[in-house]
Amino acid sequence: MSRIAVAGATGTVGTKITARLAAAGHTVVPVSRAAGVDLHTGAGLKEALTGADAVIDAANAFPSDPDADVVEVVAGATRLLLDTARELGVGRFVLVSICNIENPVFDRNPYYVAKREQEKAVAASGLRGTVVKTTQWHEFATNPAAVAFGDSEVTVGDWLIQPVAADAVADVVAELVVADDAPELVELSGPETVRLPDLTARLLSVRGDARPVVSVPAAIPELSEGVQLAPAGARIVGPTIEEWLRTEAAK
């Protein structure tokens, strides 16, 4: 069994990755503020990565300062992870990223530019790295990047997406991190396309939330045209939207 450090272990997909690794008998080391690790300053990072066989970066290390450079801070956290892993002799690194962020329409999106820089850092690190790029998760149906909850209604950006469940992403990441023959790039998508306002409305319905959903134009027009659908060659993984909604309804 392996000792695996997971950055972002308390996040949406990080918690699921951690659970799968632990269930498989691996020793999981959470790399998060809650565990005493700061990905911005490096405090506690060497201690967390010492003895690790692999590192998974599923973190969203956003700066707390609204005036900070998002690209430098988010990408810098990944570079710090990579540098520390290399210094300690950790040979394996898996980064969770997003499909199609290399498209020029995202050149002015600081977070997507930061993800690009993360991917470049993994490729240049000299470690045995895998970048797992995914379409938006089903869980994006409530993400404040495109969804705003008001007292009487919910406004949602009119994105056309092909969502994948975070559970399915976690399954693949947990397999790849211990695989001897993992490729440098894996792209994942769910099986169905849907407009985000529809997905949000369906999720609210199964949760018993009667607030109406109001569709608003996407901040980047191409998001309404499918710029984040599955790229050619992406691995399609379930569940379907309806299957995922049934799981959510049972919670």
Protein backbone atom coordinates (compact mmCIF):
# COMPACT_ATOMS: atom_id res chain seq x y z
CA MET A 1 0.00 0.00 0.00
CA SER A 2 1.06 3.58 -0.66
CA ARG A 3 1.30 6.78 1.35
CA ILE A 4 -0.49 9.48 -0.65
CA ALA A 5 -0.70 13.19 0.14
CA VAL A 6 -3.88 14.89 -1.07
CA ALA A 7 -3.93 18.67 -1.46
CA GLY A 8 -7.51 19.88 -1.30
CA ALA A 9 -8.52 16.87 0.76
CA THR A 10 -11.52 18.72 2.20
CA GLY A 11 -12.89 19.92 -1.15
CA THR A 12 -15.67 18.54 -3.35
CA VAL A 13 -13.56 15.99 -5.19
CA GLY A 14 -10.75 15.81 -2.62
CA THR A 15 -13.00 14.31 0.05
CA LYS A 16 -14.12 11.64 -2.40
CA ILE A 17 -10.57 10.85 -3.53
CA THR A 18 -9.48 10.57 0.09
CA ALA A 19 -12.32 8.20 0.92
CA ARG A 20 -11.52 5.91 -2.01
CA LEU A 21 -7.82 5.76 -1.24
CA ALA A 22 -8.45 5.02 2.42
CA ALA A 23 -10.97 2.30 1.52
CA ALA A 24 -8.33 0.70 -0.71
CA GLY A 25 -5.94 0.51 2.24
CA HIS A 26 -3.65 3.42 1.40
CA THR A 27 -2.38 5.87 4.00
CA VAL A 28 -3.82 9.28 3.14
CA VAL A 29 -2.20 12.50 4.32
CA PRO A 30 -4.51 15.52 3.98
CA VAL A 31 -2.76 18.66 2.79
CA SER A 32 -5.02 21.51 3.88
CA ARG A 33 -5.25 24.39 6.31
CA ALA A 34 -7.36 22.20 8.56
CA ALA A 35 -4.41 19.80 8.75
CA GLY A 36 -1.97 22.61 9.50
CA VAL A 37 -0.58 23.00 5.99
CA ASP A 38 -0.48 26.32 4.13
CA LEU A 39 0.02 25.98 0.37
CA HIS A 40 0.79 29.67 0.05
CA THR A 41 3.59 29.91 2.63
CA GLY A 42 4.65 26.27 2.67
CA ALA A 43 4.12 25.96 6.41
CA GLY A 44 3.75 22.29 7.35
CA LEU A 45 4.22 21.11 3.76
CA LYS A 46 7.51 19.23 4.17
CA GLU A 47 6.14 17.40 7.17
CA ALA A 48 3.03 16.38 5.21
CA LEU A 49 4.94 15.15 2.16
CA THR A 50 7.78 13.38 3.98
CA GLY A 51 7.58 9.68 3.21
CA ALA A 52 4.84 10.11 0.61
CA ASP A 53 4.87 7.94 -2.50
CA ALA A 54 2.59 10.28 -4.43
CA VAL A 55 0.89 13.68 -4.32
CA ILE A 56 -2.54 14.56 -5.67
CA ASP A 57 -3.29 18.24 -6.26
CA ALA A 58 -7.04 18.77 -6.12
CA ALA A 59 -6.78 22.08 -4.31
CA ASN A 60 -8.26 25.46 -5.17
CA ALA A 61 -5.72 27.60 -3.35
CA PHE A 62 -7.42 30.94 -3.94
CA PRO A 63 -5.84 33.97 -2.25
CA SER A 64 -7.62 35.44 0.75
CA ASP A 65 -6.62 38.92 -0.40
CA PRO A 66 -9.07 40.07 -3.13
CA ASP A 67 -6.31 42.24 -4.64
CA ALA A 68 -3.83 39.38 -4.96
CA ASP A 69 -2.75 37.94 -8.32
CA VAL A 70 -4.97 34.86 -8.71
CA VAL A 71 -2.75 33.33 -11.38
CA GLU A 72 0.43 33.66 -9.35
CA VAL A 73 -1.13 32.49 -6.08
CA VAL A 74 -3.04 29.48 -7.43
CA ALA A 75 -0.27 28.32 -9.77
CA GLY A 76 2.33 29.14 -7.14
CA ALA A 77 0.72 26.70 -4.72
CA THR A 78 1.11 23.91 -7.27
CA ARG A 79 4.72 24.87 -7.98
CA LEU A 80 5.41 24.75 -4.25
CA LEU A 81 3.88 21.28 -4.05
CA LEU A 82 5.96 20.11 -7.00
CA ASP A 83 9.20 21.61 -5.68
CA THR A 84 8.68 20.09 -2.25
CA ALA A 85 7.76 16.72 -3.70
CA ARG A 86 10.88 16.70 -5.87
CA GLU A 87 13.09 17.75 -2.94
CA LEU A 88 11.73 14.89 -0.82
CA GLY A 89 12.01 12.29 -3.54
CA VAL A 90 8.29 11.87 -4.18
CA GLY A 91 8.09 10.43 -7.67
CA ARG A 92 4.39 10.61 -8.54
CA PHE A 93 2.14 13.65 -9.01
CA VAL A 94 -1.47 13.89 -10.21
CA LEU A 95 -3.16 17.23 -10.92
CA VAL A 96 -6.91 17.70 -11.30
CA SER A 97 -7.66 20.31 -13.97
CA ILE A 98 -10.38 21.41 -16.42
CA CYS A 99 -11.04 20.47 -20.04
CA ASN A 100 -10.60 23.05 -22.81
CA ILE A 101 -9.04 25.79 -20.67
CA GLU A 102 -6.36 26.26 -23.33
CA ASN A 103 -9.00 27.84 -25.59
CA PRO A 104 -8.16 31.54 -26.18
CA VAL A 105 -11.66 32.59 -25.08
CA PHE A 106 -10.43 31.98 -21.53
CA ASP A 107 -7.35 34.19 -21.79
CA ARG A 108 -8.97 36.77 -19.50
CA ASN A 109 -10.21 34.26 -16.94
CA PRO A 110 -7.57 34.35 -14.18
CA TYR A 111 -8.54 31.00 -12.69
CA TYR A 112 -8.38 29.19 -16.01
CA VAL A 113 -5.06 30.84 -16.82
CA ALA A 114 -3.81 29.64 -13.42
CA LYS A 115 -4.90 26.09 -14.28
CA ARG A 116 -2.92 26.34 -17.52
CA GLU A 117 0.14 27.33 -15.52
CA GLN A 118 -0.39 24.41 -13.14
CA GLU A 119 -0.44 22.00 -16.08
CA LYS A 120 2.76 23.50 -17.48
CA ALA A 121 4.44 23.19 -14.09
CA VAL A 122 3.59 19.49 -13.85
CA ALA A 123 4.93 18.86 -17.35
CA ALA A 124 8.20 20.64 -16.54
CA SER A 125 8.65 19.15 -13.06
CA GLY A 126 10.57 16.03 -13.94
CA LEU A 127 8.18 13.98 -11.81
CA ARG A 128 6.05 11.17 -13.19
CA GLY A 129 2.99 13.33 -13.61
CA THR A 130 -0.56 12.90 -14.83
CA VAL A 131 -2.99 15.74 -15.50
CA VAL A 132 -6.63 14.68 -15.18
CA LYS A 133 -8.74 17.24 -17.02
CA THR A 134 -12.49 17.07 -16.51
CA THR A 135 -15.56 18.81 -17.81
CA GLN A 136 -17.58 20.71 -15.21
CA TRP A 137 -18.87 18.47 -12.44
CA HIS A 138 -22.56 17.84 -11.81
CA GLU A 139 -21.94 19.68 -8.56
CA PHE A 140 -21.30 22.86 -10.58
CA ALA A 141 -25.10 23.24 -10.56
CA THR A 142 -24.74 25.31 -7.38
CA ASN A 143 -21.31 26.85 -7.98
CA PRO A 144 -21.15 30.62 -7.34
CA ALA A 145 -19.02 31.02 -10.47
CA ALA A 146 -22.27 30.81 -12.44
CA VAL A 147 -25.08 30.47 -9.90
CA ALA A 148 -26.43 33.15 -7.55
CA PHE A 149 -28.96 32.27 -4.87
CA GLY A 150 -31.40 35.02 -3.96
CA ASP A 151 -34.26 35.00 -1.48
CA SER A 152 -36.93 34.63 -4.16
CA GLU A 153 -35.07 33.24 -7.19
CA VAL A 154 -31.86 31.65 -8.40
CA THR A 155 -30.03 33.21 -11.36
CA VAL A 156 -27.85 30.91 -13.45
CA GLY A 157 -25.50 31.61 -16.32
CA ASP A 158 -26.62 29.99 -19.56
CA TRP A 159 -23.71 27.59 -19.95
CA LEU A 160 -23.92 24.52 -22.20
CA ILE A 161 -22.02 21.78 -20.37
CA GLN A 162 -21.40 18.04 -20.41
CA PRO A 163 -21.08 17.40 -16.70
CA VAL A 164 -19.30 14.55 -14.98
CA ALA A 165 -19.92 13.44 -11.40
CA ALA A 166 -17.21 14.24 -8.87
CA ASP A 167 -17.58 10.64 -7.67
CA ALA A 168 -16.56 9.37 -11.11
CA VAL A 169 -13.60 11.75 -11.21
CA ALA A 170 -12.49 10.52 -7.79
CA ASP A 171 -12.69 6.91 -8.95
CA VAL A 172 -10.37 7.59 -11.88
CA VAL A 173 -7.88 9.71 -9.91
CA ALA A 174 -7.64 7.08 -7.17
CA GLU A 175 -6.86 4.44 -9.80
CA LEU A 176 -4.36 6.54 -11.75
CA VAL A 177 -2.27 7.70 -8.80
CA VAL A 178 -1.14 4.13 -8.06
CA ALA A 179 -1.02 2.89 -11.66
CA ASP A 180 2.39 2.03 -13.08
CA ASP A 181 1.38 2.84 -16.65
CA ALA A 182 -0.71 6.00 -16.18
CA PRO A 183 -0.54 8.41 -19.14
CA GLU A 184 0.51 12.04 -18.85
CA LEU A 185 -2.98 13.27 -19.79
CA VAL A 186 -6.46 11.90 -19.14
CA GLU A 187 -9.62 13.81 -20.10
CA LEU A 188 -12.96 12.92 -18.51
CA SER A 189 -16.54 13.86 -19.32
CA GLY A 190 -20.03 12.77 -18.44
CA PRO A 191 -22.33 11.17 -21.04
CA GLU A 192 -24.89 13.97 -21.52
CA THR A 193 -25.05 17.64 -22.44
CA VAL A 194 -27.33 20.01 -20.55
CA ARG A 195 -27.82 23.72 -20.07
CA LEU A 196 -26.72 24.76 -16.63
CA PRO A 197 -29.99 26.52 -15.69
CA ASP A 198 -31.85 23.27 -16.43
CA LEU A 199 -29.42 21.23 -14.33
CA THR A 200 -29.74 23.67 -11.44
CA ALA A 201 -33.54 23.64 -11.66
CA ARG A 202 -33.62 19.84 -11.63
CA LEU A 203 -31.29 19.69 -8.64
CA LEU A 204 -33.34 22.24 -6.69
CA SER A 205 -36.47 20.25 -7.47
CA VAL A 206 -35.13 17.00 -5.98
CA ARG A 207 -34.00 18.98 -2.94
CA GLY A 208 -37.47 20.43 -2.46
CA ASP A 209 -36.35 23.99 -3.21
CA ALA A 210 -39.21 25.79 -5.00
CA ARG A 211 -37.32 28.93 -5.96
CA PRO A 212 -37.56 29.60 -9.71
CA VAL A 213 -34.41 29.49 -11.80
CA VAL A 214 -33.76 32.48 -14.05
CA SER A 215 -31.33 32.03 -16.94
CA VAL A 216 -28.95 34.93 -17.62
CA PRO A 217 -26.34 35.34 -20.38
CA ALA A 218 -22.98 33.73 -19.68
CA ALA A 219 -20.15 36.16 -18.95
CA ILE A 220 -18.20 34.57 -21.82
CA PRO A 221 -20.61 34.04 -24.77
CA GLU A 222 -18.80 30.90 -25.94
CA LEU A 223 -19.83 29.17 -22.71
CA SER A 224 -23.37 29.16 -24.08
CA GLU A 225 -22.15 27.60 -27.30
CA GLY A 226 -20.43 24.52 -25.89
CA VAL A 227 -16.80 25.57 -25.48
CA GLN A 228 -16.64 23.34 -22.40
CA LEU A 229 -18.17 20.20 -23.88
CA ALA A 230 -16.13 17.00 -23.97
CA PRO A 231 -13.03 17.31 -26.16
CA ALA A 232 -12.37 14.71 -28.84
CA GLY A 233 -11.04 11.52 -27.30
CA ALA A 234 -12.30 12.23 -23.79
CA ARG A 235 -13.13 9.22 -21.65
CA ILE A 236 -16.88 9.17 -20.98
CA VAL A 237 -17.79 8.06 -17.46
CA GLY A 238 -21.15 7.82 -15.70
CA PRO A 239 -23.47 8.32 -14.03
CA THR A 240 -26.11 10.01 -16.17
CA ILE A 241 -27.65 13.22 -14.90
CA GLU A 242 -30.84 11.43 -13.87
CA GLU A 243 -28.87 8.77 -11.99
CA TRP A 244 -26.88 11.45 -10.19
CA LEU A 245 -30.06 13.35 -9.28
CA ARG A 246 -31.55 10.20 -7.78
CA THR A 247 -28.46 9.86 -5.62
CA GLU A 248 -28.78 13.49 -4.53
CA ALA A 249 -32.46 13.02 -3.72
CA ALA A 250 -31.59 10.12 -1.43
CA LYS A 251 -29.19 12.19 0.68
